[in-house]
Amino acid sequence: MTRDEQLRRRDAALSAVKLIVSSSHQYSPPSYKQVAAALNAQQLKTTWGNEWTPQRLLRFLQRLGYSGLHGVKAELDGQVNKQG
């Protein structure tokens, strides 16, 4: 797997997570289990080509500097909550 393919998968997954979180009409983001299931339903893979699990989703977001799904929701709401 090339680095470009990994970056494309990462960007596609992050875009999908942001879309899922933004479409949530709740005060808090959806659960990690719900988001992981939605990513798998869309047949999106992790950067390394694996299925999504809640733990993989959390680690993925942390590696990108987010404090989990709450950090993604805060960024979408216009609050700066990204670590790093």
PDB file of N, CA and C in Angstrom:
ATOM      1  N   MET A   1       0.850  -1.172   0.000  1.00  0.00           N
ATOM      2  CA  MET A   1       0.000   0.000   0.000  1.00  0.00           C
ATOM      3  C   MET A   1       0.898   1.239   0.000  1.00  0.00           C
ATOM      4  N   THR A   2       0.606   2.152  -0.890  1.00  0.00           N
ATOM      5  CA  THR A   2       1.442   3.342  -1.009  1.00  0.00           C
ATOM      6  C   THR A   2       1.017   4.403   0.006  1.00  0.00           C
ATOM      7  N   ARG A   3       1.898   5.342   0.224  1.00  0.00           N
ATOM      8  CA  ARG A   3       1.612   6.441   1.153  1.00  0.00           C
ATOM      9  C   ARG A   3       0.427   7.280   0.643  1.00  0.00           C
ATOM     10  N   ASP A   4       0.357   7.482  -0.660  1.00  0.00           N
ATOM     11  CA  ASP A   4      -0.760   8.250  -1.225  1.00  0.00           C
ATOM     12  C   ASP A   4      -2.101   7.571  -0.950  1.00  0.00           C
ATOM     13  N   GLU A   5      -2.125   6.248  -1.070  1.00  0.00           N
ATOM     14  CA  GLU A   5      -3.353   5.510  -0.796  1.00  0.00           C
ATOM     15  C   GLU A   5      -3.730   5.636   0.678  1.00  0.00           C
ATOM     16  N   GLN A   6      -2.744   5.568   1.563  1.00  0.00           N
ATOM     17  CA  GLN A   6      -3.014   5.735   2.986  1.00  0.00           C
ATOM     18  C   GLN A   6      -3.595   7.120   3.278  1.00  0.00           C
ATOM     19  N   LEU A   7      -3.015   8.140   2.662  1.00  0.00           N
ATOM     20  CA  LEU A   7      -3.498   9.507   2.875  1.00  0.00           C
ATOM     21  C   LEU A   7      -4.916   9.688   2.337  1.00  0.00           C
ATOM     22  N   ARG A   8      -5.205   9.073   1.197  1.00  0.00           N
ATOM     23  CA  ARG A   8      -6.561   9.150   0.643  1.00  0.00           C
ATOM     24  C   ARG A   8      -7.571   8.478   1.571  1.00  0.00           C
ATOM     25  N   ARG A   9      -7.205   7.325   2.109  1.00  0.00           N
ATOM     26  CA  ARG A   9      -8.103   6.629   3.037  1.00  0.00           C
ATOM     27  C   ARG A   9      -8.317   7.456   4.300  1.00  0.00           C
ATOM     28  N   ARG A  10      -7.234   8.058   4.804  1.00  0.00           N
ATOM     29  CA  ARG A  10      -7.332   8.884   6.005  1.00  0.00           C
ATOM     30  C   ARG A  10      -8.266  10.067   5.763  1.00  0.00           C
ATOM     31  N   ASP A  11      -8.078  10.753   4.655  1.00  0.00           N
ATOM     32  CA  ASP A  11      -8.899  11.923   4.346  1.00  0.00           C
ATOM     33  C   ASP A  11     -10.356  11.540   4.126  1.00  0.00           C
ATOM     34  N   ALA A  12     -10.589  10.421   3.448  1.00  0.00           N
ATOM     35  CA  ALA A  12     -11.966   9.963   3.211  1.00  0.00           C
ATOM     36  C   ALA A  12     -12.639   9.605   4.532  1.00  0.00           C
ATOM     37  N   ALA A  13     -11.907   8.944   5.418  1.00  0.00           N
ATOM     38  CA  ALA A  13     -12.478   8.554   6.705  1.00  0.00           C
ATOM     39  C   ALA A  13     -12.782   9.785   7.550  1.00  0.00           C
ATOM     40  N   LEU A  14     -11.868  10.743   7.589  1.00  0.00           N
ATOM     41  CA  LEU A  14     -12.097  11.946   8.384  1.00  0.00           C
ATOM     42  C   LEU A  14     -13.285  12.742   7.842  1.00  0.00           C
ATOM     43  N   SER A  15     -13.393  12.842   6.536  1.00  0.00           N
ATOM     44  CA  SER A  15     -14.538  13.536   5.936  1.00  0.00           C
ATOM     45  C   SER A  15     -15.846  12.840   6.293  1.00  0.00           C
ATOM     46  N   ALA A  16     -15.843  11.509   6.256  1.00  0.00           N
ATOM     47  CA  ALA A  16     -17.045  10.745   6.595  1.00  0.00           C
ATOM     48  C   ALA A  16     -17.407  10.925   8.068  1.00  0.00           C
ATOM     49  N   VAL A  17     -16.404  10.914   8.946  1.00  0.00           N
ATOM     50  CA  VAL A  17     -16.664  11.111  10.375  1.00  0.00           C
ATOM     51  C   VAL A  17     -17.276  12.489  10.601  1.00  0.00           C
ATOM     52  N   LYS A  18     -16.718  13.509   9.961  1.00  0.00           N
ATOM     53  CA  LYS A  18     -17.252  14.866  10.118  1.00  0.00           C
ATOM     54  C   LYS A  18     -18.691  14.946   9.612  1.00  0.00           C
ATOM     55  N   LEU A  19     -18.983  14.276   8.510  1.00  0.00           N
ATOM     56  CA  LEU A  19     -20.344  14.276   7.975  1.00  0.00           C
ATOM     57  C   LEU A  19     -21.313  13.578   8.927  1.00  0.00           C
ATOM     58  N   ILE A  20     -20.895  12.461   9.485  1.00  0.00           N
ATOM     59  CA  ILE A  20     -21.740  11.711  10.422  1.00  0.00           C
ATOM     60  C   ILE A  20     -22.001  12.548  11.669  1.00  0.00           C
ATOM     61  N   VAL A  21     -20.952  13.173  12.203  1.00  0.00           N
ATOM     62  CA  VAL A  21     -21.100  13.981  13.417  1.00  0.00           C
ATOM     63  C   VAL A  21     -21.953  15.214  13.139  1.00  0.00           C
ATOM     64  N   SER A  22     -21.756  15.840  11.984  1.00  0.00           N
ATOM     65  CA  SER A  22     -22.526  17.046  11.675  1.00  0.00           C
ATOM     66  C   SER A  22     -23.996  16.740  11.421  1.00  0.00           C
ATOM     67  N   SER A  23     -24.303  15.551  10.944  1.00  0.00           N
ATOM     68  CA  SER A  23     -25.702  15.195  10.683  1.00  0.00           C
ATOM     69  C   SER A  23     -26.421  14.751  11.951  1.00  0.00           C
ATOM     70  N   SER A  24     -25.670  14.594  13.024  1.00  0.00           N
ATOM     71  CA  SER A  24     -26.277  14.239  14.303  1.00  0.00           C
ATOM     72  C   SER A  24     -26.973  15.466  14.866  1.00  0.00           C
ATOM     73  N   HIS A  25     -28.256  15.335  15.153  1.00  0.00           N
ATOM     74  CA  HIS A  25     -29.039  16.473  15.632  1.00  0.00           C
ATOM     75  C   HIS A  25     -29.137  16.469  17.154  1.00  0.00           C
ATOM     76  N   GLN A  26     -28.096  16.006  17.787  1.00  0.00           N
ATOM     77  CA  GLN A  26     -28.087  15.940  19.241  1.00  0.00           C
ATOM     78  C   GLN A  26     -27.112  16.991  19.774  1.00  0.00           C
ATOM     79  N   TYR A  27     -27.173  17.197  21.078  1.00  0.00           N
ATOM     80  CA  TYR A  27     -26.226  18.114  21.699  1.00  0.00           C
ATOM     81  C   TYR A  27     -24.848  17.494  21.827  1.00  0.00           C
ATOM     82  N   SER A  28     -24.784  16.193  21.831  1.00  0.00           N
ATOM     83  CA  SER A  28     -23.500  15.503  21.896  1.00  0.00           C
ATOM     84  C   SER A  28     -23.347  14.649  20.643  1.00  0.00           C
ATOM     85  N   PRO A  29     -22.119  14.321  20.287  1.00  0.00           N
ATOM     86  CA  PRO A  29     -21.908  13.510  19.081  1.00  0.00           C
ATOM     87  C   PRO A  29     -22.425  12.082  19.271  1.00  0.00           C
ATOM     88  N   PRO A  30     -22.598  11.356  18.175  1.00  0.00           N
ATOM     89  CA  PRO A  30     -23.027   9.950  18.289  1.00  0.00           C
ATOM     90  C   PRO A  30     -21.934   9.125  18.965  1.00  0.00           C
ATOM     91  N   SER A  31     -22.264   7.911  19.331  1.00  0.00           N
ATOM     92  CA  SER A  31     -21.288   7.062  20.005  1.00  0.00           C
ATOM     93  C   SER A  31     -20.235   6.558  19.015  1.00  0.00           C
ATOM     94  N   TYR A  32     -19.106   6.148  19.554  1.00  0.00           N
ATOM     95  CA  TYR A  32     -18.043   5.592  18.722  1.00  0.00           C
ATOM     96  C   TYR A  32     -18.522   4.340  18.000  1.00  0.00           C
ATOM     97  N   LYS A  33     -19.351   3.558  18.679  1.00  0.00           N
ATOM     98  CA  LYS A  33     -19.872   2.334  18.084  1.00  0.00           C
ATOM     99  C   LYS A  33     -20.746   2.660  16.868  1.00  0.00           C
ATOM    100  N   GLN A  34     -21.574   3.690  16.981  1.00  0.00           N
ATOM    101  CA  GLN A  34     -22.439   4.094  15.864  1.00  0.00           C
ATOM    102  C   GLN A  34     -21.621   4.606  14.685  1.00  0.00           C
ATOM    103  N   VAL A  35     -20.606   5.414  14.966  1.00  0.00           N
ATOM    104  CA  VAL A  35     -19.790   5.971  13.890  1.00  0.00           C
ATOM    105  C   VAL A  35     -18.972   4.873  13.225  1.00  0.00           C
ATOM    106  N   ALA A  36     -18.397   3.959  14.008  1.00  0.00           N
ATOM    107  CA  ALA A  36     -17.628   2.849  13.436  1.00  0.00           C
ATOM    108  C   ALA A  36     -18.524   1.991  12.546  1.00  0.00           C
ATOM    109  N   ALA A  37     -19.742   1.730  12.985  1.00  0.00           N
ATOM    110  CA  ALA A  37     -20.679   0.941  12.184  1.00  0.00           C
ATOM    111  C   ALA A  37     -21.029   1.672  10.887  1.00  0.00           C
ATOM    112  N   ALA A  38     -21.200   2.980  10.964  1.00  0.00           N
ATOM    113  CA  ALA A  38     -21.520   3.759   9.762  1.00  0.00           C
ATOM    114  C   ALA A  38     -20.348   3.747   8.776  1.00  0.00           C
ATOM    115  N   LEU A  39     -19.136   3.856   9.277  1.00  0.00           N
ATOM    116  CA  LEU A  39     -17.961   3.805   8.399  1.00  0.00           C
ATOM    117  C   LEU A  39     -17.857   2.439   7.722  1.00  0.00           C
ATOM    118  N   ASN A  40     -18.104   1.378   8.480  1.00  0.00           N
ATOM    119  CA  ASN A  40     -18.067   0.030   7.910  1.00  0.00           C
ATOM    120  C   ASN A  40     -19.193  -0.161   6.894  1.00  0.00           C
ATOM    121  N   ALA A  41     -20.360   0.413   7.167  1.00  0.00           N
ATOM    122  CA  ALA A  41     -21.487   0.302   6.237  1.00  0.00           C
ATOM    123  C   ALA A  41     -21.180   1.008   4.910  1.00  0.00           C
ATOM    124  N   GLN A  42     -20.385   2.068   4.984  1.00  0.00           N
ATOM    125  CA  GLN A  42     -19.973   2.786   3.778  1.00  0.00           C
ATOM    126  C   GLN A  42     -18.771   2.119   3.104  1.00  0.00           C
ATOM    127  N   GLN A  43     -18.328   1.008   3.668  1.00  0.00           N
ATOM    128  CA  GLN A  43     -17.189   0.231   3.177  1.00  0.00           C
ATOM    129  C   GLN A  43     -15.904   1.044   3.153  1.00  0.00           C
ATOM    130  N   LEU A  44     -15.781   1.963   4.111  1.00  0.00           N
ATOM    131  CA  LEU A  44     -14.535   2.708   4.275  1.00  0.00           C
ATOM    132  C   LEU A  44     -13.637   1.895   5.195  1.00  0.00           C
ATOM    133  N   LYS A  45     -12.372   1.878   4.886  1.00  0.00           N
ATOM    134  CA  LYS A  45     -11.407   1.120   5.677  1.00  0.00           C
ATOM    135  C   LYS A  45     -10.509   2.082   6.442  1.00  0.00           C
ATOM    136  N   THR A  46      -9.819   1.539   7.450  1.00  0.00           N
ATOM    137  CA  THR A  46      -8.830   2.333   8.168  1.00  0.00           C
ATOM    138  C   THR A  46      -7.665   2.621   7.234  1.00  0.00           C
ATOM    139  N   THR A  47      -6.740   3.418   7.702  1.00  0.00           N
ATOM    140  CA  THR A  47      -5.576   3.761   6.895  1.00  0.00           C
ATOM    141  C   THR A  47      -4.837   2.513   6.432  1.00  0.00           C
ATOM    142  N   TRP A  48      -4.849   1.478   7.255  1.00  0.00           N
ATOM    143  CA  TRP A  48      -4.154   0.232   6.922  1.00  0.00           C
ATOM    144  C   TRP A  48      -5.065  -0.801   6.287  1.00  0.00           C
ATOM    145  N   GLY A  49      -6.301  -0.445   5.972  1.00  0.00           N
ATOM    146  CA  GLY A  49      -7.196  -1.340   5.250  1.00  0.00           C
ATOM    147  C   GLY A  49      -8.013  -2.275   6.109  1.00  0.00           C
ATOM    148  N   ASN A  50      -8.154  -1.972   7.390  1.00  0.00           N
ATOM    149  CA  ASN A  50      -8.924  -2.819   8.302  1.00  0.00           C
ATOM    150  C   ASN A  50     -10.333  -2.275   8.507  1.00  0.00           C
ATOM    151  N   GLU A  51     -11.181  -3.099   9.120  1.00  0.00           N
ATOM    152  CA  GLU A  51     -12.522  -2.664   9.512  1.00  0.00           C
ATOM    153  C   GLU A  51     -12.389  -1.687  10.683  1.00  0.00           C
ATOM    154  N   TRP A  52     -13.391  -0.822  10.839  1.00  0.00           N
ATOM    155  CA  TRP A  52     -13.404   0.127  11.937  1.00  0.00           C
ATOM    156  C   TRP A  52     -13.969  -0.510  13.192  1.00  0.00           C
ATOM    157  N   THR A  53     -13.362  -0.206  14.324  1.00  0.00           N
ATOM    158  CA  THR A  53     -13.889  -0.548  15.637  1.00  0.00           C
ATOM    159  C   THR A  53     -13.934   0.757  16.429  1.00  0.00           C
ATOM    160  N   PRO A  54     -14.690   0.799  17.520  1.00  0.00           N
ATOM    161  CA  PRO A  54     -14.704   2.026  18.320  1.00  0.00           C
ATOM    162  C   PRO A  54     -13.307   2.449  18.785  1.00  0.00           C
ATOM    163  N   GLN A  55     -12.489   1.489  19.198  1.00  0.00           N
ATOM    164  CA  GLN A  55     -11.133   1.810  19.670  1.00  0.00           C
ATOM    165  C   GLN A  55     -10.270   2.346  18.525  1.00  0.00           C
ATOM    166  N   ARG A  56     -10.363   1.754  17.364  1.00  0.00           N
ATOM    167  CA  ARG A  56      -9.586   2.249  16.215  1.00  0.00           C
ATOM    168  C   ARG A  56     -10.013   3.656  15.838  1.00  0.00           C
ATOM    169  N   LEU A  57     -11.312   3.928  15.931  1.00  0.00           N
ATOM    170  CA  LEU A  57     -11.816   5.257  15.614  1.00  0.00           C
ATOM    171  C   LEU A  57     -11.260   6.286  16.599  1.00  0.00           C
ATOM    172  N   LEU A  58     -11.290   5.970  17.875  1.00  0.00           N
ATOM    173  CA  LEU A  58     -10.757   6.881  18.882  1.00  0.00           C
ATOM    174  C   LEU A  58      -9.279   7.161  18.635  1.00  0.00           C
ATOM    175  N   ARG A  59      -8.495   6.130  18.410  1.00  0.00           N
ATOM    176  CA  ARG A  59      -7.053   6.295  18.172  1.00  0.00           C
ATOM    177  C   ARG A  59      -6.793   7.082  16.890  1.00  0.00           C
ATOM    178  N   PHE A  60      -7.572   6.842  15.868  1.00  0.00           N
ATOM    179  CA  PHE A  60      -7.451   7.564  14.602  1.00  0.00           C
ATOM    180  C   PHE A  60      -7.633   9.059  14.841  1.00  0.00           C
ATOM    181  N   LEU A  61      -8.692   9.414  15.555  1.00  0.00           N
ATOM    182  CA  LEU A  61      -8.958  10.818  15.821  1.00  0.00           C
ATOM    183  C   LEU A  61      -7.882  11.432  16.709  1.00  0.00           C
ATOM    184  N   GLN A  62      -7.402  10.679  17.695  1.00  0.00           N
ATOM    185  CA  GLN A  62      -6.350  11.194  18.563  1.00  0.00           C
ATOM    186  C   GLN A  62      -5.059  11.440  17.792  1.00  0.00           C
ATOM    187  N   ARG A  63      -4.740  10.544  16.871  1.00  0.00           N
ATOM    188  CA  ARG A  63      -3.523  10.742  16.058  1.00  0.00           C
ATOM    189  C   ARG A  63      -3.615  11.998  15.202  1.00  0.00           C
ATOM    190  N   LEU A  64      -4.834  12.368  14.808  1.00  0.00           N
ATOM    191  CA  LEU A  64      -5.033  13.569  14.007  1.00  0.00           C
ATOM    192  C   LEU A  64      -5.160  14.822  14.869  1.00  0.00           C
ATOM    193  N   GLY A  65      -5.085  14.670  16.183  1.00  0.00           N
ATOM    194  CA  GLY A  65      -5.100  15.816  17.083  1.00  0.00           C
ATOM    195  C   GLY A  65      -6.452  16.165  17.657  1.00  0.00           C
ATOM    196  N   TYR A  66      -7.452  15.331  17.446  1.00  0.00           N
ATOM    197  CA  TYR A  66      -8.777  15.584  18.001  1.00  0.00           C
ATOM    198  C   TYR A  66      -8.900  14.920  19.359  1.00  0.00           C
ATOM    199  N   SER A  67      -9.710  15.505  20.218  1.00  0.00           N
ATOM    200  CA  SER A  67      -9.979  14.888  21.513  1.00  0.00           C
ATOM    201  C   SER A  67     -11.193  13.972  21.379  1.00  0.00           C
ATOM    202  N   GLY A  68     -11.183  13.143  20.374  1.00  0.00           N
ATOM    203  CA  GLY A  68     -12.274  12.212  20.120  1.00  0.00           C
ATOM    204  C   GLY A  68     -13.404  12.863  19.339  1.00  0.00           C
ATOM    205  N   LEU A  69     -14.570  12.241  19.373  1.00  0.00           N
ATOM    206  CA  LEU A  69     -15.720  12.748  18.635  1.00  0.00           C
ATOM    207  C   LEU A  69     -16.181  14.107  19.158  1.00  0.00           C
ATOM    208  N   HIS A  70     -15.967  14.353  20.448  1.00  0.00           N
ATOM    209  CA  HIS A  70     -16.330  15.661  20.996  1.00  0.00           C
ATOM    210  C   HIS A  70     -15.471  16.763  20.370  1.00  0.00           C
ATOM    211  N   GLY A  71     -14.225  16.449  20.107  1.00  0.00           N
ATOM    212  CA  GLY A  71     -13.348  17.418  19.459  1.00  0.00           C
ATOM    213  C   GLY A  71     -13.771  17.711  18.031  1.00  0.00           C
ATOM    214  N   VAL A  72     -14.211  16.683  17.327  1.00  0.00           N
ATOM    215  CA  VAL A  72     -14.700  16.867  15.959  1.00  0.00           C
ATOM    216  C   VAL A  72     -15.960  17.733  15.983  1.00  0.00           C
ATOM    217  N   LYS A  73     -16.879  17.432  16.913  1.00  0.00           N
ATOM    218  CA  LYS A  73     -18.113  18.212  17.018  1.00  0.00           C
ATOM    219  C   LYS A  73     -17.814  19.660  17.376  1.00  0.00           C
ATOM    220  N   ALA A  74     -16.864  19.878  18.278  1.00  0.00           N
ATOM    221  CA  ALA A  74     -16.504  21.241  18.672  1.00  0.00           C
ATOM    222  C   ALA A  74     -15.934  22.009  17.484  1.00  0.00           C
ATOM    223  N   GLU A  75     -15.104  21.348  16.680  1.00  0.00           N
ATOM    224  CA  GLU A  75     -14.557  22.014  15.495  1.00  0.00           C
ATOM    225  C   GLU A  75     -15.666  22.374  14.516  1.00  0.00           C
ATOM    226  N   LEU A  76     -16.605  21.470  14.319  1.00  0.00           N
ATOM    227  CA  LEU A  76     -17.714  21.730  13.402  1.00  0.00           C
ATOM    228  C   LEU A  76     -18.630  22.839  13.926  1.00  0.00           C
ATOM    229  N   ASP A  77     -18.714  22.969  15.244  1.00  0.00           N
ATOM    230  CA  ASP A  77     -19.533  24.020  15.854  1.00  0.00           C
ATOM    231  C   ASP A  77     -18.800  25.359  15.919  1.00  0.00           C
ATOM    232  N   GLY A  78     -17.561  25.394  15.426  1.00  0.00           N
ATOM    233  CA  GLY A  78     -16.807  26.641  15.402  1.00  0.00           C
ATOM    234  C   GLY A  78     -15.943  26.877  16.619  1.00  0.00           C
ATOM    235  N   GLN A  79     -15.897  25.919  17.510  1.00  0.00           N
ATOM    236  CA  GLN A  79     -15.035  26.036  18.684  1.00  0.00           C
ATOM    237  C   GLN A  79     -13.712  25.377  18.366  1.00  0.00           C
ATOM    238  N   VAL A  80     -12.644  25.945  18.853  1.00  0.00           N
ATOM    239  CA  VAL A  80     -11.332  25.337  18.632  1.00  0.00           C
ATOM    240  C   VAL A  80     -11.089  24.372  19.776  1.00  0.00           C
ATOM    241  N   ASN A  81     -11.086  23.075  19.454  1.00  0.00           N
ATOM    242  CA  ASN A  81     -10.893  22.049  20.481  1.00  0.00           C
ATOM    243  C   ASN A  81      -9.890  21.013  20.006  1.00  0.00           C
ATOM    244  N   LYS A  82      -9.118  21.349  18.994  1.00  0.00           N
ATOM    245  CA  LYS A  82      -8.145  20.412  18.448  1.00  0.00           C
ATOM    246  C   LYS A  82      -6.860  20.519  19.239  1.00  0.00           C
ATOM    247  N   GLN A  83      -6.325  19.384  19.625  1.00  0.00           N
ATOM    248  CA  GLN A  83      -5.078  19.361  20.378  1.00  0.00           C
ATOM    249  C   GLN A  83      -3.915  19.499  19.416  1.00  0.00           C
ATOM    250  N   GLY A  84      -2.770  19.829  19.955  1.00  0.00           N
ATOM    251  CA  GLY A  84      -1.608  19.789  19.088  1.00  0.00           C
ATOM    252  C   GLY A  84      -0.951  21.046  18.961  1.00  0.00           C
TER     253      GLY A  84
END
